[in-house]
C-alpha atoms as a PDB file:
ATOM      1  CA  LYS A   1      17.512  80.448 -44.420  1.00  0.00           C
ATOM      2  CA  GLY A   2      20.426  78.662 -46.725  1.00  0.00           C
ATOM      3  CA  GLU A   3      23.092  81.218 -45.688  1.00  0.00           C
ATOM      4  CA  SER A   4      22.080  79.671 -41.858  1.00  0.00           C
ATOM      5  CA  LYS A   5      22.458  75.792 -42.868  1.00  0.00           C
ATOM      6  CA  GLY A   6      25.779  77.123 -44.807  1.00  0.00           C
ATOM      7  CA  MET A   7      27.174  78.465 -41.153  1.00  0.00           C
ATOM      8  CA  ASP A   8      25.994  75.311 -39.413  1.00  0.00           C
ATOM      9  CA  LYS A   9      27.597  73.105 -41.695  1.00  0.00           C
ATOM     10  CA  GLU A  10      30.941  74.745 -41.290  1.00  0.00           C
ATOM     11  CA  ARG A  11      30.373  75.012 -37.629  1.00  0.00           C
ATOM     12  CA  LYS A  12      29.759  70.856 -37.727  1.00  0.00           C
ATOM     13  CA  GLU A  13      32.841  70.553 -39.932  1.00  0.00           C
ATOM     14  CA  GLN A  14      34.965  72.528 -37.329  1.00  0.00           C
ATOM     15  CA  LEU A  15      33.792  70.308 -35.139  1.00  0.00           C
ATOM     16  CA  ILE A  16      34.901  67.616 -36.699  1.00  0.00           C
ATOM     17  CA  ILE A  17      38.191  68.999 -37.135  1.00  0.00           C
ATOM     18  CA  LYS A  18      38.952  70.081 -33.424  1.00  0.00           C
ATOM     19  CA  ILE A  19      37.644  66.102 -31.771  1.00  0.00           C
ATOM     20  CA  CYS A  20      39.896  64.628 -34.857  1.00  0.00           C
ATOM     21  CA  CYS A  21      42.909  67.031 -33.515  1.00  0.00           C
ATOM     22  CA  VAL A  22      42.199  66.099 -30.072  1.00  0.00           C
ATOM     23  CA  ILE A  23      42.330  62.179 -30.850  1.00  0.00           C
ATOM     24  CA  ALA A  24      45.475  63.126 -32.935  1.00  0.00           C
ATOM     25  CA  ALA A  25      47.222  64.822 -30.005  1.00  0.00           C
ATOM     26  CA  PHE A  26      46.293  62.375 -27.617  1.00  0.00           C
ATOM     27  CA  ALA A  27      47.177  58.878 -29.638  1.00  0.00           C
ATOM     28  CA  LEU A  28      50.607  61.341 -29.960  1.00  0.00           C
ATOM     29  CA  TRP A  29      51.076  61.902 -26.639  1.00  0.00           C
ATOM     30  CA  LEU A  30      50.587  57.929 -25.773  1.00  0.00           C
ATOM     31  CA  PHE A  31      53.273  57.014 -28.615  1.00  0.00           C
ATOM     32  CA  ILE A  32      55.990  59.846 -27.411  1.00  0.00           C
ATOM     33  CA  THR A  33      55.683  59.010 -23.499  1.00  0.00           C
ATOM     34  CA  GLY A  34      55.144  55.023 -23.833  1.00  0.00           C
ATOM     35  CA  THR A  35      58.413  54.592 -26.297  1.00  0.00           C
ATOM     36  CA  GLU A  36      60.398  57.784 -26.742  1.00  0.00           C
ATOM     37  CA  ASN A  37      60.744  59.623 -23.154  1.00  0.00           C
ATOM     38  CA  PRO A  38      63.297  58.788 -21.212  1.00  0.00           C
ATOM     39  CA  LEU A  39      62.156  57.606 -17.347  1.00  0.00           C
ATOM     40  CA  THR A  40      63.695  59.769 -14.757  1.00  0.00           C
ATOM     41  CA  ALA A  41      63.872  57.146 -12.101  1.00  0.00           C
ATOM     42  CA  TYR A  42      64.531  53.860 -13.412  1.00  0.00           C
ATOM     43  CA  LYS A  43      66.804  52.312 -10.632  1.00  0.00           C
ATOM     44  CA  ILE A  44      68.644  48.475 -11.441  1.00  0.00           C
ATOM     45  CA  ARG A  45      69.290  46.759  -8.323  1.00  0.00           C
ATOM     46  CA  ASN A  46      71.467  44.194  -6.484  1.00  0.00           C
ATOM     47  CA  ILE A  47      74.280  44.656  -8.887  1.00  0.00           C
ATOM     48  CA  PRO A  48      77.222  42.628  -7.351  1.00  0.00           C
ATOM     49  CA  VAL A  49      79.581  45.217  -5.696  1.00  0.00           C
ATOM     50  CA  LYS A  50      83.388  43.560  -6.456  1.00  0.00           C
ATOM     51  CA  ILE A  51      86.178  43.947  -3.093  1.00  0.00           C
ATOM     52  CA  LEU A  52      89.463  44.828  -4.412  1.00  0.00           C
ATOM     53  CA  ASN A  53      92.609  44.685  -2.665  1.00  0.00           C
ATOM     54  CA  THR A  54      91.213  42.047  -0.128  1.00  0.00           C
ATOM     55  CA  ASP A  55      94.791  40.926   1.020  1.00  0.00           C
ATOM     56  CA  VAL A  56      95.188  44.154   2.993  1.00  0.00           C
ATOM     57  CA  LEU A  57      92.268  42.089   5.450  1.00  0.00           C
ATOM     58  CA  THR A  58      94.356  39.054   5.442  1.00  0.00           C
ATOM     59  CA  LYS A  59      97.623  41.174   6.667  1.00  0.00           C
ATOM     60  CA  ALA A  60      95.272  43.254   9.028  1.00  0.00           C
ATOM     61  CA  ASN A  61      94.111  39.451  10.855  1.00  0.00           C
ATOM     62  CA  LEU A  62      90.351  40.651   9.495  1.00  0.00           C
ATOM     63  CA  ALA A  63      87.900  39.024   7.424  1.00  0.00           C
ATOM     64  CA  LEU A  64      84.759  40.371   6.206  1.00  0.00           C
ATOM     65  CA  VAL A  65      81.741  39.333   8.349  1.00  0.00           C
ATOM     66  CA  PRO A  66      79.840  36.357   6.293  1.00  0.00           C
ATOM     67  CA  GLY A  67      75.874  36.907   5.135  1.00  0.00           C
ATOM     68  CA  GLN A  68      76.434  40.615   4.434  1.00  0.00           C
ATOM     69  CA  ASP A  69      74.894  42.074   1.348  1.00  0.00           C
ATOM     70  CA  ILE A  70      77.398  43.304  -0.958  1.00  0.00           C
ATOM     71  CA  THR A  71      75.246  44.241  -3.476  1.00  0.00           C
ATOM     72  CA  THR A  72      74.316  48.268  -4.996  1.00  0.00           C
ATOM     73  CA  SER A  73      71.246  49.601  -6.816  1.00  0.00           C
ATOM     74  CA  LEU A  74      71.657  52.611  -9.600  1.00  0.00           C
ATOM     75  CA  ASN A  75      69.481  55.040 -11.126  1.00  0.00           C
ATOM     76  CA  ILE A  76      69.822  55.207 -15.070  1.00  0.00           C
ATOM     77  CA  LYS A  77      68.553  57.808 -17.668  1.00  0.00           C
ATOM     78  CA  GLY A  78      68.398  56.518 -21.397  1.00  0.00           C
ATOM     79  CA  ALA A  79      67.031  57.528 -24.760  1.00  0.00           C
ATOM     80  CA  ASN A  80      64.090  55.299 -24.730  1.00  0.00           C
ATOM     81  CA  THR A  81      62.103  52.914 -22.524  1.00  0.00           C
ATOM     82  CA  SER A  82      62.774  50.386 -24.140  1.00  0.00           C
ATOM     83  CA  ILE A  83      66.526  50.876 -23.542  1.00  0.00           C
ATOM     84  CA  LEU A  84      66.229  51.182 -20.041  1.00  0.00           C
ATOM     85  CA  LEU A  85      64.109  48.189 -19.087  1.00  0.00           C
ATOM     86  CA  ASP A  86      66.636  45.967 -21.776  1.00  0.00           C
ATOM     87  CA  LYS A  87      69.536  46.494 -18.966  1.00  0.00           C
ATOM     88  CA  LYS A  88      70.326  44.382 -16.136  1.00  0.00           C
ATOM     89  CA  ALA A  89      72.894  44.069 -13.117  1.00  0.00           C
ATOM     90  CA  SER A  90      74.988  41.649 -15.388  1.00  0.00           C
ATOM     91  CA  ASP A  91      75.291  45.249 -17.349  1.00  0.00           C
ATOM     92  CA  PHE A  92      77.706  46.852 -14.665  1.00  0.00           C
ATOM     93  CA  THR A  93      80.684  45.884 -13.080  1.00  0.00           C
ATOM     94  CA  VAL A  94      80.996  47.952  -9.583  1.00  0.00           C
ATOM     95  CA  VAL A  95      84.238  47.657  -7.538  1.00  0.00           C
ATOM     96  CA  ALA A  96      84.960  48.752  -4.067  1.00  0.00           C
ATOM     97  CA  ASP A  97      88.831  49.463  -3.031  1.00  0.00           C
ATOM     98  CA  LEU A  98      90.047  48.322   0.232  1.00  0.00           C
ATOM     99  CA  GLY A  99      93.698  49.386  -0.390  1.00  0.00           C
ATOM    100  CA  PRO A 100      94.090  52.681   0.651  1.00  0.00           C
ATOM    101  CA  TYR A 101      92.083  52.566   4.302  1.00  0.00           C
ATOM    102  CA  ALA A 102      93.911  51.556   7.469  1.00  0.00           C
ATOM    103  CA  LEU A 103      90.917  48.881   8.561  1.00  0.00           C
ATOM    104  CA  LYS A 104      90.593  47.151  11.884  1.00  0.00           C
ATOM    105  CA  SER A 105      87.528  45.695  13.468  1.00  0.00           C
ATOM    106  CA  GLY A 106      84.044  47.667  12.663  1.00  0.00           C
ATOM    107  CA  GLU A 107      81.450  48.771  10.043  1.00  0.00           C
ATOM    108  CA  TYR A 108      82.968  51.090   7.144  1.00  0.00           C
ATOM    109  CA  LYS A 109      81.564  52.802   4.341  1.00  0.00           C
ATOM    110  CA  ILE A 110      83.647  52.544   1.306  1.00  0.00           C
ATOM    111  CA  PRO A 111      82.941  54.168  -1.681  1.00  0.00           C
ATOM    112  CA  ILE A 112      82.048  52.589  -5.058  1.00  0.00           C
ATOM    113  CA  GLU A 113      83.341  52.701  -8.392  1.00  0.00           C
ATOM    114  CA  ILE A 114      81.266  52.254 -11.867  1.00  0.00           C
ATOM    115  CA  ARG A 115      84.301  50.432 -14.036  1.00  0.00           C
ATOM    116  CA  LYS A 116      82.182  49.259 -16.597  1.00  0.00           C
ATOM    117  CA  SER A 117      78.410  50.364 -17.974  1.00  0.00           C
ATOM    118  CA  PRO A 118      76.399  50.192 -21.432  1.00  0.00           C
ATOM    119  CA  ASP A 119      77.032  52.976 -23.226  1.00  0.00           C
ATOM    120  CA  ASN A 120      73.562  54.179 -24.250  1.00  0.00           C
ATOM    121  CA  ILE A 121      72.475  54.996 -20.337  1.00  0.00           C
ATOM    122  CA  ASN A 122      73.659  57.377 -18.257  1.00  0.00           C
ATOM    123  CA  VAL A 123      74.021  56.740 -14.405  1.00  0.00           C
ATOM    124  CA  VAL A 124      72.285  59.228 -12.446  1.00  0.00           C
ATOM    125  CA  ASN A 125      73.699  58.469  -8.847  1.00  0.00           C
ATOM    126  CA  SER A 126      77.612  57.645  -9.485  1.00  0.00           C
ATOM    127  CA  ASP A 127      79.074  60.454  -7.517  1.00  0.00           C
ATOM    128  CA  SER A 128      77.508  59.428  -4.408  1.00  0.00           C
ATOM    129  CA  LEU A 129      77.681  55.582  -4.063  1.00  0.00           C
ATOM    130  CA  PHE A 130      78.788  54.051  -1.035  1.00  0.00           C
ATOM    131  CA  ILE A 131      78.829  50.325   0.311  1.00  0.00           C
ATOM    132  CA  THR A 132      78.648  49.788   3.884  1.00  0.00           C
ATOM    133  CA  ILE A 133      80.762  46.641   5.297  1.00  0.00           C
ATOM    134  CA  GLN A 134      81.293  44.979   8.373  1.00  0.00           C
ATOM    135  CA  LEU A 135      84.811  43.456   9.217  1.00  0.00           C
ATOM    136  CA  GLU A 136      85.862  40.993  11.980  1.00  0.00           C
ATOM    137  CA  GLU A 137      88.903  39.666  13.934  1.00  0.00           C
ATOM    138  CA  LEU A 138      90.515  36.606  11.426  1.00  0.00           C
ATOM    139  CA  ILE A 139      91.437  33.722  13.941  1.00  0.00           C
ATOM    140  CA  LYS A 140      92.519  30.177  13.537  1.00  0.00           C
ATOM    141  CA  LYS A 141      91.700  27.176  15.105  1.00  0.00           C
ATOM    142  CA  LYS A 142      93.411  23.651  14.801  1.00  0.00           C
ATOM    143  CA  LEU A 143      90.955  20.638  14.991  1.00  0.00           C
ATOM    144  CA  PRO A 144      91.439  16.789  15.080  1.00  0.00           C
ATOM    145  CA  ILE A 145      89.597  15.193  11.722  1.00  0.00           C
ATOM    146  CA  ASN A 146      86.974  12.611  12.463  1.00  0.00           C
ATOM    147  CA  ILE A 147      85.586   9.745  10.024  1.00  0.00           C
ATOM    148  CA  ASN A 148      81.723   9.690   9.657  1.00  0.00           C
ATOM    149  CA  ILE A 149      81.553   6.109   7.591  1.00  0.00           C
ATOM    150  CA  SER A 150      77.562   5.092   6.845  1.00  0.00           C
ATOM    151  CA  GLY A 151      76.641   2.125   5.880  1.00  0.00           C
ATOM    152  CA  LYS A 152      78.025  -1.816   5.952  1.00  0.00           C
ATOM    153  CA  PRO A 153      80.539  -3.585   3.938  1.00  0.00           C
ATOM    154  CA  LYS A 154      79.686  -6.623   1.895  1.00  0.00           C
ATOM    155  CA  ASP A 155      78.301  -9.746   3.905  1.00  0.00           C
ATOM    156  CA  GLY A 156      81.359 -11.187   5.492  1.00  0.00           C
ATOM    157  CA  PHE A 157      83.513  -8.626   5.251  1.00  0.00           C
ATOM    158  CA  TYR A 158      84.879  -6.041   7.607  1.00  0.00           C
ATOM    159  CA  THR A 159      86.635  -2.291   8.212  1.00  0.00           C
ATOM    160  CA  SER A 160      89.362  -1.685  10.184  1.00  0.00           C
ATOM    161  CA  THR A 161      91.324   1.392  11.574  1.00  0.00           C
ATOM    162  CA  PRO A 162      91.365   4.113   8.977  1.00  0.00           C
ATOM    163  CA  GLU A 163      94.787   5.425   8.018  1.00  0.00           C
ATOM    164  CA  LEU A 164      94.886   9.581   7.690  1.00  0.00           C
ATOM    165  CA  SER A 165      97.413  10.895   5.875  1.00  0.00           C
ATOM    166  CA  VAL A 166      97.210  13.936   8.850  1.00  0.00           C
ATOM    167  CA  ASP A 167      95.216  13.348  11.754  1.00  0.00           C
ATOM    168  CA  SER A 168      94.119  17.467  12.492  1.00  0.00           C
ATOM    169  CA  ALA A 169      93.353  20.052  10.261  1.00  0.00           C
ATOM    170  CA  THR A 170      93.264  24.385  10.850  1.00  0.00           C
ATOM    171  CA  VAL A 171      90.223  26.070  10.260  1.00  0.00           C
ATOM    172  CA  SER A 172      90.507  29.745   9.312  1.00  0.00           C
ATOM    173  CA  GLY A 173      88.119  32.844   8.959  1.00  0.00           C
ATOM    174  CA  GLY A 174      85.893  35.525  10.916  1.00  0.00           C
ATOM    175  CA  SER A 175      85.832  34.526  14.362  1.00  0.00           C
ATOM    176  CA  LYS A 176      82.078  34.356  14.229  1.00  0.00           C
ATOM    177  CA  SER A 177      82.065  32.021  12.646  1.00  0.00           C
ATOM    178  CA  VAL A 178      85.470  30.097  13.442  1.00  0.00           C
ATOM    179  CA  ASN A 179      84.202  30.009  16.960  1.00  0.00           C
ATOM    180  CA  ILE A 180      80.842  27.344  15.893  1.00  0.00           C
ATOM    181  CA  VAL A 181      82.641  25.169  14.006  1.00  0.00           C
ATOM    182  CA  LYS A 182      82.956  22.059  16.393  1.00  0.00           C
ATOM    183  CA  LYS A 183      84.323  19.544  13.806  1.00  0.00           C
ATOM    184  CA  ILE A 184      86.467  18.331  11.272  1.00  0.00           C
ATOM    185  CA  VAL A 185      84.457  15.371   9.173  1.00  0.00           C
ATOM    186  CA  ILE A 186      85.206  13.555   5.973  1.00  0.00           C
ATOM    187  CA  ASP A 187      81.821  11.736   5.597  1.00  0.00           C
ATOM    188  CA  GLU A 188      82.010   8.008   3.588  1.00  0.00           C
ATOM    189  CA  ASN A 189      79.440   5.278   2.748  1.00  0.00           C
ATOM    190  CA  ILE A 190      81.420   2.147   2.249  1.00  0.00           C
ATOM    191  CA  GLN A 191      77.488   0.059   1.782  1.00  0.00           C
ATOM    192  CA  GLY A 192      78.637  -3.219  -0.225  1.00  0.00           C
ATOM    193  CA  LEU A 193      81.971  -2.790  -0.363  1.00  0.00           C
ATOM    194  CA  GLN A 194      84.728  -5.702  -0.914  1.00  0.00           C
ATOM    195  CA  ALA A 195      87.985  -4.383  -1.390  1.00  0.00           C
ATOM    196  CA  ASP A 196      89.950  -0.612   0.769  1.00  0.00           C
ATOM    197  CA  VAL A 197      89.035   2.349  -0.541  1.00  0.00           C
ATOM    198  CA  SER A 198      92.098   4.583  -0.978  1.00  0.00           C
ATOM    199  CA  LYS A 199      91.229   7.924  -2.320  1.00  0.00           C
ATOM    200  CA  LYS A 200      91.455  11.468  -1.844  1.00  0.00           C
ATOM    201  CA  TYR A 201      88.762  13.494   0.769  1.00  0.00           C
ATOM    202  CA  LYS A 202      87.735  17.057   1.238  1.00  0.00           C
ATOM    203  CA  LEU A 203      87.239  18.155   4.366  1.00  0.00           C
ATOM    204  CA  LYS A 204      84.599  19.925   5.531  1.00  0.00           C
ATOM    205  CA  ALA A 205      84.284  22.266   8.837  1.00  0.00           C
ATOM    206  CA  VAL A 206      80.672  21.342  10.595  1.00  0.00           C
ATOM    207  CA  ASP A 207      79.280  23.104  13.374  1.00  0.00           C
ATOM    208  CA  GLU A 208      77.437  21.398  16.782  1.00  0.00           C
ATOM    209  CA  SER A 209      74.063  20.354  14.483  1.00  0.00           C
ATOM    210  CA  GLY A 210      76.476  18.713  11.760  1.00  0.00           C
ATOM    211  CA  GLU A 211      75.749  21.434   9.352  1.00  0.00           C
ATOM    212  CA  GLU A 212      78.510  22.741   7.491  1.00  0.00           C
ATOM    213  CA  VAL A 213      80.285  26.195   8.114  1.00  0.00           C
ATOM    214  CA  LYS A 214      80.857  27.522   4.255  1.00  0.00           C
ATOM    215  CA  SER A 215      82.500  30.839   5.689  1.00  0.00           C
ATOM    216  CA  VAL A 216      85.417  29.635   6.713  1.00  0.00           C
ATOM    217  CA  VAL A 217      88.513  27.860   4.911  1.00  0.00           C
ATOM    218  CA  VAL A 218      89.751  24.679   6.155  1.00  0.00           C
ATOM    219  CA  SER A 219      94.015  23.623   5.737  1.00  0.00           C
ATOM    220  CA  PRO A 220      94.489  21.318   4.308  1.00  0.00           C
ATOM    221  CA  ALA A 221      91.824  21.421   2.269  1.00  0.00           C
ATOM    222  CA  TYR A 222      91.967  17.296   1.076  1.00  0.00           C
ATOM    223  CA  ILE A 223      93.513  14.788   2.647  1.00  0.00           C
ATOM    224  CA  ASN A 224      94.111  10.910   1.605  1.00  0.00           C
ATOM    225  CA  VAL A 225      92.376   8.485   3.639  1.00  0.00           C
ATOM    226  CA  LYS A 226      92.395   4.472   3.485  1.00  0.00           C
ATOM    227  CA  ILE A 227      89.624   2.265   4.871  1.00  0.00           C
ATOM    228  CA  PRO A 228      91.113  -1.203   5.249  1.00  0.00           C
ATOM    229  CA  VAL A 229      88.150  -3.606   3.887  1.00  0.00           C
ATOM    230  CA  ARG A 230      88.893  -7.476   5.257  1.00  0.00           C
ATOM    231  CA  LYS A 231      87.847 -10.817   4.664  1.00  0.00           C
ATOM    232  CA  ALA A 232      86.564 -12.389   7.502  1.00  0.00           C
ATOM    233  CA  LYS A 233      86.261 -16.101   8.871  1.00  0.00           C
ATOM    234  CA  SER A 234      84.164 -17.848  11.652  1.00  0.00           C
ATOM    235  CA  ILE A 235      86.810 -20.197  13.641  1.00  0.00           C
ATOM    236  CA  ALA A 236      86.149 -22.433  16.648  1.00  0.00           C
ATOM    237  CA  VAL A 237      87.922 -22.199  19.646  1.00  0.00           C
ATOM    238  CA  ALA A 238      89.595 -24.964  21.167  1.00  0.00           C
ATOM    239  CA  VAL A 239      90.581 -25.254  24.954  1.00  0.00           C
ATOM    240  CA  LYS A 240      94.140 -26.549  25.689  1.00  0.00           C
ATOM    241  CA  THR A 241      94.792 -27.769  29.010  1.00  0.00           C
ATOM    242  CA  THR A 242      97.914 -29.139  31.146  1.00  0.00           C
ATOM    243  CA  GLY A 243      98.598 -31.192  34.237  1.00  0.00           C
ATOM    244  CA  ASN A 244      95.905 -33.181  36.084  1.00  0.00           C
ATOM    245  CA  LEU A 245      92.864 -32.455  38.243  1.00  0.00           C
ATOM    246  CA  ASP A 246      92.955 -33.660  41.467  1.00  0.00           C
ATOM    247  CA  PRO A 247      91.505 -37.571  41.526  1.00  0.00           C
ATOM    248  CA  LYS A 248      88.783 -36.348  44.292  1.00  0.00           C
ATOM    249  CA  TYR A 249      87.121 -33.941  41.486  1.00  0.00           C
ATOM    250  CA  THR A 250      85.536 -34.960  38.155  1.00  0.00           C
ATOM    251  CA  LEU A 251      85.807 -32.727  35.104  1.00  0.00           C
ATOM    252  CA  LYS A 252      82.434 -32.518  34.231  1.00  0.00           C
ATOM    253  CA  SER A 253      82.760 -30.079  30.894  1.00  0.00           C
ATOM    254  CA  ILE A 254      84.709 -27.193  30.027  1.00  0.00           C
ATOM    255  CA  LYS A 255      84.068 -25.223  26.899  1.00  0.00           C
ATOM    256  CA  ALA A 256      84.736 -21.730  25.334  1.00  0.00           C
ATOM    257  CA  VAL A 257      82.871 -18.828  26.086  1.00  0.00           C
ATOM    258  CA  PRO A 258      82.396 -17.877  22.724  1.00  0.00           C
ATOM    259  CA  ASN A 259      83.065 -21.061  20.778  1.00  0.00           C
ATOM    260  CA  THR A 260      83.667 -19.606  18.113  1.00  0.00           C
ATOM    261  CA  MET A 261      85.599 -15.896  16.894  1.00  0.00           C
ATOM    262  CA  ASP A 262      85.712 -13.494  13.621  1.00  0.00           C
ATOM    263  CA  ILE A 263      88.977 -13.523  12.458  1.00  0.00           C
ATOM    264  CA  THR A 264      89.686 -11.018   9.659  1.00  0.00           C
ATOM    265  CA  GLY A 265      92.566 -10.994   7.256  1.00  0.00           C
ATOM    266  CA  ASN A 266      93.601 -11.610   3.350  1.00  0.00           C
ATOM    267  CA  SER A 267      91.710 -14.561   1.735  1.00  0.00           C
ATOM    268  CA  ALA A 268      95.041 -16.962   1.719  1.00  0.00           C
ATOM    269  CA  GLU A 269      95.734 -16.175   5.362  1.00  0.00           C
ATOM    270  CA  LEU A 270      92.007 -17.095   6.334  1.00  0.00           C
ATOM    271  CA  ASN A 271      92.090 -20.403   3.851  1.00  0.00           C
ATOM    272  CA  ASP A 272      95.217 -21.762   5.822  1.00  0.00           C
ATOM    273  CA  LEU A 273      93.370 -21.297   9.717  1.00  0.00           C
ATOM    274  CA  ASN A 274      91.799 -24.193  11.237  1.00  0.00           C
ATOM    275  CA  TYR A 275      91.122 -23.149  14.416  1.00  0.00           C
ATOM    276  CA  LEU A 276      91.702 -21.277  17.517  1.00  0.00           C
ATOM    277  CA  ASN A 277      93.717 -22.372  20.320  1.00  0.00           C
ATOM    278  CA  THR A 278      93.358 -21.040  24.008  1.00  0.00           C
ATOM    279  CA  GLU A 279      96.404 -20.395  26.496  1.00  0.00           C
ATOM    280  CA  ASN A 280      97.009 -23.966  28.713  1.00  0.00           C
ATOM    281  CA  ILE A 281      94.751 -23.941  31.831  1.00  0.00           C
ATOM    282  CA  ASP A 282      96.662 -26.236  33.909  1.00  0.00           C
ATOM    283  CA  LEU A 283      94.052 -28.597  36.095  1.00  0.00           C
ATOM    284  CA  SER A 284      96.205 -29.091  38.835  1.00  0.00           C
ATOM    285  CA  LYS A 285      95.349 -25.837  40.000  1.00  0.00           C
ATOM    286  CA  ILE A 286      91.369 -26.149  39.492  1.00  0.00           C
ATOM    287  CA  THR A 287      89.636 -27.519  42.482  1.00  0.00           C
ATOM    288  CA  LYS A 288      85.771 -25.423  41.965  1.00  0.00           C
ATOM    289  CA  SER A 289      84.377 -24.938  38.541  1.00  0.00           C
ATOM    290  CA  THR A 290      85.373 -21.357  37.768  1.00  0.00           C
ATOM    291  CA  THR A 291      85.665 -19.176  34.796  1.00  0.00           C
ATOM    292  CA  VAL A 292      89.230 -18.292  33.251  1.00  0.00           C
ATOM    293  CA  LYS A 293      89.687 -15.285  31.256  1.00  0.00           C
ATOM    294  CA  ASP A 294      92.335 -16.025  28.356  1.00  0.00           C
ATOM    295  CA  ARG A 295      94.319 -14.917  25.225  1.00  0.00           C
ATOM    296  CA  LYS A 296      93.575 -16.875  22.437  1.00  0.00           C
ATOM    297  CA  SER A 297      96.180 -18.099  19.768  1.00  0.00           C
ATOM    298  CA  VAL A 298      95.464 -18.955  15.925  1.00  0.00           C
ATOM    299  CA  VAL A 299      96.795 -22.230  14.519  1.00  0.00           C
END
């Protein structure tokens, strides 16, 4: 019996040791897989691809179709998980060179090259990287410049016709983008102004709905514009006559419509104005009630 009890105790101890070994092995496996084993297919996405030698496009009258996804993904390996998870797209410099190719409109598959990457990782797919790009015809279109003026100057002031250093500009870019440009505009708010506006404005290409088309180039990009703002004064209109009315008629009334006019100018000029004279109306030629269209002169 004593021998039997000793064997049972030994078996229990061996079982406990085996259980402890299994637990220790499992814990070690968790540690290794969580912190030491490299990830075999960790992917860095949305890495921008820089296009080199784009001047060959201009020489060939070509442009990149706007809105393309010029990015790539890289599969990387490293010494441990924490190193891989620490990497981001900005850690990589990836380029595609257009220089060696004779290009025309259409789709191209261009090899891409990794110029910079972290020292402690390896790129798995570095020898099989390509970027697909779409090219279209480069065109130009000349359009007049429109000024969109919003707001109102201070009460008693008026704006006159804006003065532009140039009255037209050229839009260039891919055919799809240029063809939707309908206007070249300048936006200016004159709310509350009481003096001239004179400054450099950026030209903006817009589509039919007034939305800016940012994928084109406007040349010149900026122009000088002056928007004259003048003080106004309300001046009475005086009707001037000559000759005599036929005695068989009686002049019941004579009046100007409108009987006042708003005149703009600088303050000194407006202070010297008293009224507006009409041209002389010859009463000897008037035989019935009538309306005479007339020009006015400042007095």
